[in-house]
Amino acid sequence: MIDVILCDDHALIRRGIRDTLSDAPDIRVVGEAADYGELRTLMRERVAVPGSRGLPCDVLVLDINLPGRSGLDALHVLKDEGSPVKVLVVSMYPEDQYAIRALRAGAYGYVNKGGDPQILVQAVRTVAQGRKYVTPEIAQMLVESLTAPSSEAAAHTKLSDRELQTLVMIASGKRLADIAAELMLSPKTVSVYRARVLEKLALANNAELTVYAIRNGLVGE
């Protein structure tokens, strides 16, 4: 049996994922969390559960866009801790935005929420076996990232995870104060991230930042 923990801040999406996975005879959802803090607490509690084999779960199904610390933050923490839990990222963002970042951060796979539910089941089974799960599109991106000259890479690929997150949120119309509250950071810190993004992308203001994000498929029009 494959034990799975879900981490997504939208209750309806968690329910949909839970129902999809629970229909599989070899998968069971043993816990759910809405943010990083709940996830950490749940994983610690699960370790003490009899029969858990000293693991909180076999597979963590993790959303990228969480309130406070992001899914990428969680990936980095788990990787630094040497956690044996295998992480499958399930996100609303297209593969070309976050898939390679997630894989480099330690994820075993990346699945888009808008895809076929059976792909999610297949991905969980693959990841549970310790194998990477990538779609043909992600595989092609990985090949291109290895073979393309670094000068050809889009400028935003050179942003840090937090800088990219700030870019996307500003381009989505959120104010710095709202971003600070959602990420649990000070407005001054968010302003620093914004300044770094503008500098690295050679942009002058939020309007140009938004146009860049739209042109590069980071946000919808």
C-alpha atoms as a PDB file:
ATOM      1  CA  MET A   1       0.000   0.000   0.000  1.00  0.00           C
ATOM      2  CA  ILE A   2       1.267   3.470  -0.910  1.00  0.00           C
ATOM      3  CA  ASP A   3       0.717   6.008   1.892  1.00  0.00           C
ATOM      4  CA  VAL A   4       0.192   9.565   0.627  1.00  0.00           C
ATOM      5  CA  ILE A   5       0.026  12.969   2.308  1.00  0.00           C
ATOM      6  CA  LEU A   6      -1.599  15.858   0.424  1.00  0.00           C
ATOM      7  CA  CYS A   7      -0.538  19.484   0.833  1.00  0.00           C
ATOM      8  CA  ASP A   8      -2.643  22.086  -0.955  1.00  0.00           C
ATOM      9  CA  ASP A   9      -4.259  25.220   0.429  1.00  0.00           C
ATOM     10  CA  HIS A  10      -7.518  24.727  -1.481  1.00  0.00           C
ATOM     11  CA  ALA A  11      -9.850  22.297   0.304  1.00  0.00           C
ATOM     12  CA  LEU A  12     -11.853  21.483  -2.835  1.00  0.00           C
ATOM     13  CA  ILE A  13      -8.715  20.625  -4.794  1.00  0.00           C
ATOM     14  CA  ARG A  14      -7.462  18.443  -1.946  1.00  0.00           C
ATOM     15  CA  ARG A  15     -10.791  16.644  -1.937  1.00  0.00           C
ATOM     16  CA  GLY A  16     -10.601  16.044  -5.678  1.00  0.00           C
ATOM     17  CA  ILE A  17      -7.068  14.667  -5.422  1.00  0.00           C
ATOM     18  CA  ARG A  18      -8.000  12.560  -2.400  1.00  0.00           C
ATOM     19  CA  ASP A  19     -11.012  11.065  -4.170  1.00  0.00           C
ATOM     20  CA  THR A  20      -8.952  10.300  -7.282  1.00  0.00           C
ATOM     21  CA  LEU A  21      -6.194   8.573  -5.329  1.00  0.00           C
ATOM     22  CA  SER A  22      -8.573   6.766  -2.973  1.00  0.00           C
ATOM     23  CA  ASP A  23     -10.217   5.057  -5.958  1.00  0.00           C
ATOM     24  CA  ALA A  24      -6.905   3.254  -6.596  1.00  0.00           C
ATOM     25  CA  PRO A  25      -6.764  -0.033  -4.635  1.00  0.00           C
ATOM     26  CA  ASP A  26      -3.051   0.354  -3.808  1.00  0.00           C
ATOM     27  CA  ILE A  27      -3.078   3.994  -2.615  1.00  0.00           C
ATOM     28  CA  ARG A  28      -4.388   5.511   0.604  1.00  0.00           C
ATOM     29  CA  VAL A  29      -4.348   9.130   1.745  1.00  0.00           C
ATOM     30  CA  VAL A  30      -3.127   9.227   5.347  1.00  0.00           C
ATOM     31  CA  GLY A  31      -3.082  12.979   5.930  1.00  0.00           C
ATOM     32  CA  GLU A  32      -3.822  16.435   4.535  1.00  0.00           C
ATOM     33  CA  ALA A  33      -2.290  19.864   5.119  1.00  0.00           C
ATOM     34  CA  ALA A  34      -3.182  23.349   3.897  1.00  0.00           C
ATOM     35  CA  ASP A  35       0.204  25.030   4.349  1.00  0.00           C
ATOM     36  CA  TYR A  36       3.852  24.459   5.225  1.00  0.00           C
ATOM     37  CA  GLY A  37       3.303  24.663   8.978  1.00  0.00           C
ATOM     38  CA  GLU A  38       0.498  22.097   8.958  1.00  0.00           C
ATOM     39  CA  LEU A  39       2.579  19.867   6.701  1.00  0.00           C
ATOM     40  CA  ARG A  40       5.570  19.859   9.034  1.00  0.00           C
ATOM     41  CA  THR A  41       3.376  19.123  12.051  1.00  0.00           C
ATOM     42  CA  LEU A  42       1.553  16.340  10.234  1.00  0.00           C
ATOM     43  CA  MET A  43       4.767  14.706   9.028  1.00  0.00           C
ATOM     44  CA  ARG A  44       6.220  14.713  12.548  1.00  0.00           C
ATOM     45  CA  GLU A  45       3.034  13.196  13.970  1.00  0.00           C
ATOM     46  CA  ARG A  46       2.896  10.520  11.281  1.00  0.00           C
ATOM     47  CA  VAL A  47       6.399   9.292  12.139  1.00  0.00           C
ATOM     48  CA  ALA A  48       5.096   8.199  15.545  1.00  0.00           C
ATOM     49  CA  VAL A  49       2.111   6.312  14.109  1.00  0.00           C
ATOM     50  CA  PRO A  50       2.385   2.520  14.654  1.00  0.00           C
ATOM     51  CA  GLY A  51       2.949   0.730  11.372  1.00  0.00           C
ATOM     52  CA  SER A  52       4.270   3.824   9.608  1.00  0.00           C
ATOM     53  CA  ARG A  53       7.716   2.219   9.210  1.00  0.00           C
ATOM     54  CA  GLY A  54       9.272   5.348  10.658  1.00  0.00           C
ATOM     55  CA  LEU A  55       8.110   7.368   7.636  1.00  0.00           C
ATOM     56  CA  PRO A  56       5.382  10.030   7.585  1.00  0.00           C
ATOM     57  CA  CYS A  57       4.337   8.732   4.158  1.00  0.00           C
ATOM     58  CA  ASP A  58       5.691   7.175   0.979  1.00  0.00           C
ATOM     59  CA  VAL A  59       4.697  10.050  -1.310  1.00  0.00           C
ATOM     60  CA  LEU A  60       4.001  13.702  -0.564  1.00  0.00           C
ATOM     61  CA  VAL A  61       1.718  15.303  -3.154  1.00  0.00           C
ATOM     62  CA  LEU A  62       2.697  18.958  -2.891  1.00  0.00           C
ATOM     63  CA  ASP A  63       1.353  22.159  -4.403  1.00  0.00           C
ATOM     64  CA  ILE A  64       3.843  24.895  -5.369  1.00  0.00           C
ATOM     65  CA  ASN A  65       1.688  27.885  -4.475  1.00  0.00           C
ATOM     66  CA  LEU A  66       1.153  27.721  -0.711  1.00  0.00           C
ATOM     67  CA  PRO A  67       0.518  30.595   1.697  1.00  0.00           C
ATOM     68  CA  GLY A  68       3.641  31.523   3.628  1.00  0.00           C
ATOM     69  CA  ARG A  69       6.526  29.253   2.688  1.00  0.00           C
ATOM     70  CA  SER A  70       6.022  27.897  -0.804  1.00  0.00           C
ATOM     71  CA  GLY A  71       6.124  24.323  -2.020  1.00  0.00           C
ATOM     72  CA  LEU A  72       9.599  25.014  -3.383  1.00  0.00           C
ATOM     73  CA  ASP A  73      10.662  26.075   0.107  1.00  0.00           C
ATOM     74  CA  ALA A  74       9.309  22.802   1.461  1.00  0.00           C
ATOM     75  CA  LEU A  75      11.232  20.874  -1.194  1.00  0.00           C
ATOM     76  CA  HIS A  76      14.489  22.563  -0.273  1.00  0.00           C
ATOM     77  CA  VAL A  77      13.952  21.878   3.446  1.00  0.00           C
ATOM     78  CA  LEU A  78      13.168  18.198   2.876  1.00  0.00           C
ATOM     79  CA  LYS A  79      16.190  17.839   0.606  1.00  0.00           C
ATOM     80  CA  ASP A  80      18.497  19.532   3.124  1.00  0.00           C
ATOM     81  CA  GLU A  81      17.184  17.255   5.877  1.00  0.00           C
ATOM     82  CA  GLY A  82      17.789  14.158   3.771  1.00  0.00           C
ATOM     83  CA  SER A  83      14.136  13.137   4.047  1.00  0.00           C
ATOM     84  CA  PRO A  84      13.382   9.812   2.341  1.00  0.00           C
ATOM     85  CA  VAL A  85       9.861  10.966   1.465  1.00  0.00           C
ATOM     86  CA  LYS A  86       9.342  11.182  -2.296  1.00  0.00           C
ATOM     87  CA  VAL A  87       7.661  14.374  -3.462  1.00  0.00           C
ATOM     88  CA  LEU A  88       5.298  14.688  -6.412  1.00  0.00           C
ATOM     89  CA  VAL A  89       4.534  18.299  -7.257  1.00  0.00           C
ATOM     90  CA  VAL A  90       0.992  18.926  -8.486  1.00  0.00           C
ATOM     91  CA  SER A  91       0.501  22.490  -9.661  1.00  0.00           C
ATOM     92  CA  MET A  92      -1.776  24.768 -11.640  1.00  0.00           C
ATOM     93  CA  TYR A  93       1.291  26.302 -13.258  1.00  0.00           C
ATOM     94  CA  PRO A  94       2.306  24.992 -16.702  1.00  0.00           C
ATOM     95  CA  GLU A  95       5.324  22.719 -16.852  1.00  0.00           C
ATOM     96  CA  ASP A  96       7.540  25.337 -18.475  1.00  0.00           C
ATOM     97  CA  GLN A  97       7.280  27.597 -15.420  1.00  0.00           C
ATOM     98  CA  TYR A  98       8.198  25.405 -12.484  1.00  0.00           C
ATOM     99  CA  ALA A  99       8.806  21.781 -13.509  1.00  0.00           C
ATOM    100  CA  ILE A 100      12.576  21.972 -13.915  1.00  0.00           C
ATOM    101  CA  ARG A 101      12.907  24.113 -10.779  1.00  0.00           C
ATOM    102  CA  ALA A 102      10.913  21.553  -8.803  1.00  0.00           C
ATOM    103  CA  LEU A 103      12.947  18.619 -10.106  1.00  0.00           C
ATOM    104  CA  ARG A 104      16.221  20.381  -9.337  1.00  0.00           C
ATOM    105  CA  ALA A 105      14.925  21.105  -5.836  1.00  0.00           C
ATOM    106  CA  GLY A 106      14.408  17.385  -5.226  1.00  0.00           C
ATOM    107  CA  ALA A 107      10.942  16.538  -6.539  1.00  0.00           C
ATOM    108  CA  TYR A 108      10.477  13.128  -8.121  1.00  0.00           C
ATOM    109  CA  GLY A 109       7.807  14.333 -10.535  1.00  0.00           C
ATOM    110  CA  TYR A 110       5.619  17.210 -11.702  1.00  0.00           C
ATOM    111  CA  VAL A 111       1.986  16.954 -12.773  1.00  0.00           C
ATOM    112  CA  ASN A 112      -0.354  19.712 -13.896  1.00  0.00           C
ATOM    113  CA  LYS A 113      -3.647  19.892 -11.987  1.00  0.00           C
ATOM    114  CA  GLY A 114      -5.578  20.304 -15.214  1.00  0.00           C
ATOM    115  CA  GLY A 115      -4.445  16.949 -16.589  1.00  0.00           C
ATOM    116  CA  ASP A 116      -6.101  13.533 -16.688  1.00  0.00           C
ATOM    117  CA  PRO A 117      -6.731  12.261 -13.112  1.00  0.00           C
ATOM    118  CA  GLN A 118      -5.310   8.875 -14.083  1.00  0.00           C
ATOM    119  CA  ILE A 119      -1.993  10.562 -14.831  1.00  0.00           C
ATOM    120  CA  LEU A 120      -1.888  11.567 -11.168  1.00  0.00           C
ATOM    121  CA  VAL A 121      -2.432   7.962 -10.079  1.00  0.00           C
ATOM    122  CA  GLN A 122       0.269   6.752 -12.461  1.00  0.00           C
ATOM    123  CA  ALA A 123       2.647   9.450 -11.243  1.00  0.00           C
ATOM    124  CA  VAL A 124       2.139   8.522  -7.567  1.00  0.00           C
ATOM    125  CA  ARG A 125       2.841   4.849  -8.342  1.00  0.00           C
ATOM    126  CA  THR A 126       5.961   5.720 -10.329  1.00  0.00           C
ATOM    127  CA  VAL A 127       7.322   8.072  -7.679  1.00  0.00           C
ATOM    128  CA  ALA A 128       6.599   5.571  -4.890  1.00  0.00           C
ATOM    129  CA  GLN A 129       8.949   3.160  -6.673  1.00  0.00           C
ATOM    130  CA  GLY A 130      11.730   5.707  -6.472  1.00  0.00           C
ATOM    131  CA  ARG A 131      11.539   6.574 -10.156  1.00  0.00           C
ATOM    132  CA  LYS A 132      11.160  10.020 -11.703  1.00  0.00           C
ATOM    133  CA  TYR A 133       7.870  10.881 -13.365  1.00  0.00           C
ATOM    134  CA  VAL A 134       8.053  13.406 -16.179  1.00  0.00           C
ATOM    135  CA  THR A 135       5.721  14.080 -19.072  1.00  0.00           C
ATOM    136  CA  PRO A 136       7.092  14.096 -22.628  1.00  0.00           C
ATOM    137  CA  GLU A 137       6.928  17.910 -22.512  1.00  0.00           C
ATOM    138  CA  ILE A 138       9.099  18.063 -19.401  1.00  0.00           C
ATOM    139  CA  ALA A 139      11.522  15.530 -20.840  1.00  0.00           C
ATOM    140  CA  GLN A 140      11.934  17.749 -23.914  1.00  0.00           C
ATOM    141  CA  MET A 141      12.516  20.807 -21.716  1.00  0.00           C
ATOM    142  CA  LEU A 142      15.172  18.951 -19.754  1.00  0.00           C
ATOM    143  CA  VAL A 143      16.975  18.017 -22.944  1.00  0.00           C
ATOM    144  CA  GLU A 144      16.800  21.581 -24.228  1.00  0.00           C
ATOM    145  CA  SER A 145      18.047  23.000 -20.919  1.00  0.00           C
ATOM    146  CA  LEU A 146      21.086  20.737 -21.132  1.00  0.00           C
ATOM    147  CA  THR A 147      21.920  21.493 -24.753  1.00  0.00           C
ATOM    148  CA  ALA A 148      20.965  25.171 -25.197  1.00  0.00           C
ATOM    149  CA  PRO A 149      23.649  27.816 -24.598  1.00  0.00           C
ATOM    150  CA  SER A 150      23.102  29.579 -21.283  1.00  0.00           C
ATOM    151  CA  SER A 151      22.748  32.886 -23.102  1.00  0.00           C
ATOM    152  CA  GLU A 152      19.571  31.621 -24.754  1.00  0.00           C
ATOM    153  CA  ALA A 153      17.776  30.879 -21.495  1.00  0.00           C
ATOM    154  CA  ALA A 154      14.906  33.191 -20.607  1.00  0.00           C
ATOM    155  CA  ALA A 155      15.976  35.852 -18.137  1.00  0.00           C
ATOM    156  CA  HIS A 156      13.489  34.748 -15.479  1.00  0.00           C
ATOM    157  CA  THR A 157      15.103  31.294 -15.269  1.00  0.00           C
ATOM    158  CA  LYS A 158      17.996  33.024 -13.499  1.00  0.00           C
ATOM    159  CA  LEU A 159      15.734  34.370 -10.730  1.00  0.00           C
ATOM    160  CA  SER A 160      15.706  32.717  -7.330  1.00  0.00           C
ATOM    161  CA  ASP A 161      12.592  30.789  -6.336  1.00  0.00           C
ATOM    162  CA  ARG A 162      11.370  33.637  -4.119  1.00  0.00           C
ATOM    163  CA  GLU A 163      12.115  36.240  -6.797  1.00  0.00           C
ATOM    164  CA  LEU A 164      10.124  34.275  -9.358  1.00  0.00           C
ATOM    165  CA  GLN A 165       7.269  33.914  -6.892  1.00  0.00           C
ATOM    166  CA  THR A 166       7.305  37.682  -6.311  1.00  0.00           C
ATOM    167  CA  LEU A 167       7.341  38.332 -10.064  1.00  0.00           C
ATOM    168  CA  VAL A 168       4.313  36.127 -10.669  1.00  0.00           C
ATOM    169  CA  MET A 169       2.345  37.627  -7.781  1.00  0.00           C
ATOM    170  CA  ILE A 170       3.022  41.227  -8.839  1.00  0.00           C
ATOM    171  CA  ALA A 171       2.115  40.391 -12.434  1.00  0.00           C
ATOM    172  CA  SER A 172      -1.114  38.821 -11.143  1.00  0.00           C
ATOM    173  CA  GLY A 173      -2.113  42.220  -9.754  1.00  0.00           C
ATOM    174  CA  LYS A 174      -1.282  41.735  -6.088  1.00  0.00           C
ATOM    175  CA  ARG A 175      -0.011  44.674  -4.030  1.00  0.00           C
ATOM    176  CA  LEU A 176       3.289  44.463  -2.158  1.00  0.00           C
ATOM    177  CA  ALA A 177       1.439  44.562   1.172  1.00  0.00           C
ATOM    178  CA  ASP A 178      -0.751  41.618   0.112  1.00  0.00           C
ATOM    179  CA  ILE A 179       2.266  39.682  -1.117  1.00  0.00           C
ATOM    180  CA  ALA A 180       4.071  40.327   2.156  1.00  0.00           C
ATOM    181  CA  ALA A 181       1.079  39.073   4.148  1.00  0.00           C
ATOM    182  CA  GLU A 182       0.654  35.966   1.998  1.00  0.00           C
ATOM    183  CA  LEU A 183       4.341  35.052   2.100  1.00  0.00           C
ATOM    184  CA  MET A 184       4.657  36.003   5.777  1.00  0.00           C
ATOM    185  CA  LEU A 185       7.431  38.459   4.980  1.00  0.00           C
ATOM    186  CA  SER A 186       7.891  42.137   5.761  1.00  0.00           C
ATOM    187  CA  PRO A 187       6.870  44.636   3.046  1.00  0.00           C
ATOM    188  CA  LYS A 188      10.510  45.816   3.024  1.00  0.00           C
ATOM    189  CA  THR A 189      11.714  42.305   2.177  1.00  0.00           C
ATOM    190  CA  VAL A 190       9.200  41.988  -0.646  1.00  0.00           C
ATOM    191  CA  SER A 191      10.339  45.370  -1.967  1.00  0.00           C
ATOM    192  CA  VAL A 192      13.896  44.044  -2.047  1.00  0.00           C
ATOM    193  CA  TYR A 193      12.777  41.008  -4.060  1.00  0.00           C
ATOM    194  CA  ARG A 194      10.899  43.294  -6.445  1.00  0.00           C
ATOM    195  CA  ALA A 195      13.965  45.469  -6.918  1.00  0.00           C
ATOM    196  CA  ARG A 196      16.106  42.432  -7.668  1.00  0.00           C
ATOM    197  CA  VAL A 197      13.588  41.178 -10.222  1.00  0.00           C
ATOM    198  CA  LEU A 198      13.470  44.540 -11.995  1.00  0.00           C
ATOM    199  CA  GLU A 199      17.256  44.709 -12.066  1.00  0.00           C
ATOM    200  CA  LYS A 200      17.807  41.146 -13.294  1.00  0.00           C
ATOM    201  CA  LEU A 201      15.154  41.465 -16.002  1.00  0.00           C
ATOM    202  CA  ALA A 202      16.242  45.011 -16.953  1.00  0.00           C
ATOM    203  CA  LEU A 203      12.729  46.369 -16.364  1.00  0.00           C
ATOM    204  CA  ALA A 204      11.675  49.755 -15.042  1.00  0.00           C
ATOM    205  CA  ASN A 205       8.340  49.268 -13.282  1.00  0.00           C
ATOM    206  CA  ASN A 206       5.446  46.926 -12.498  1.00  0.00           C
ATOM    207  CA  ALA A 207       3.788  47.572 -15.855  1.00  0.00           C
ATOM    208  CA  GLU A 208       6.844  46.334 -17.756  1.00  0.00           C
ATOM    209  CA  LEU A 209       7.139  43.447 -15.307  1.00  0.00           C
ATOM    210  CA  THR A 210       3.548  42.415 -16.019  1.00  0.00           C
ATOM    211  CA  VAL A 211       4.063  42.593 -19.796  1.00  0.00           C
ATOM    212  CA  TYR A 212       7.177  40.421 -19.435  1.00  0.00           C
ATOM    213  CA  ALA A 213       5.290  37.858 -17.353  1.00  0.00           C
ATOM    214  CA  ILE A 214       2.455  37.652 -19.889  1.00  0.00           C
ATOM    215  CA  ARG A 215       4.799  37.346 -22.879  1.00  0.00           C
ATOM    216  CA  ASN A 216       6.694  34.539 -21.193  1.00  0.00           C
ATOM    217  CA  GLY A 217       3.574  32.625 -20.112  1.00  0.00           C
ATOM    218  CA  LEU A 218       4.136  33.171 -16.400  1.00  0.00           C
ATOM    219  CA  VAL A 219       0.612  34.556 -15.944  1.00  0.00           C
ATOM    220  CA  GLY A 220      -2.515  34.606 -18.089  1.00  0.00           C
ATOM    221  CA  GLU A 221      -3.539  37.641 -20.094  1.00  0.00           C
END
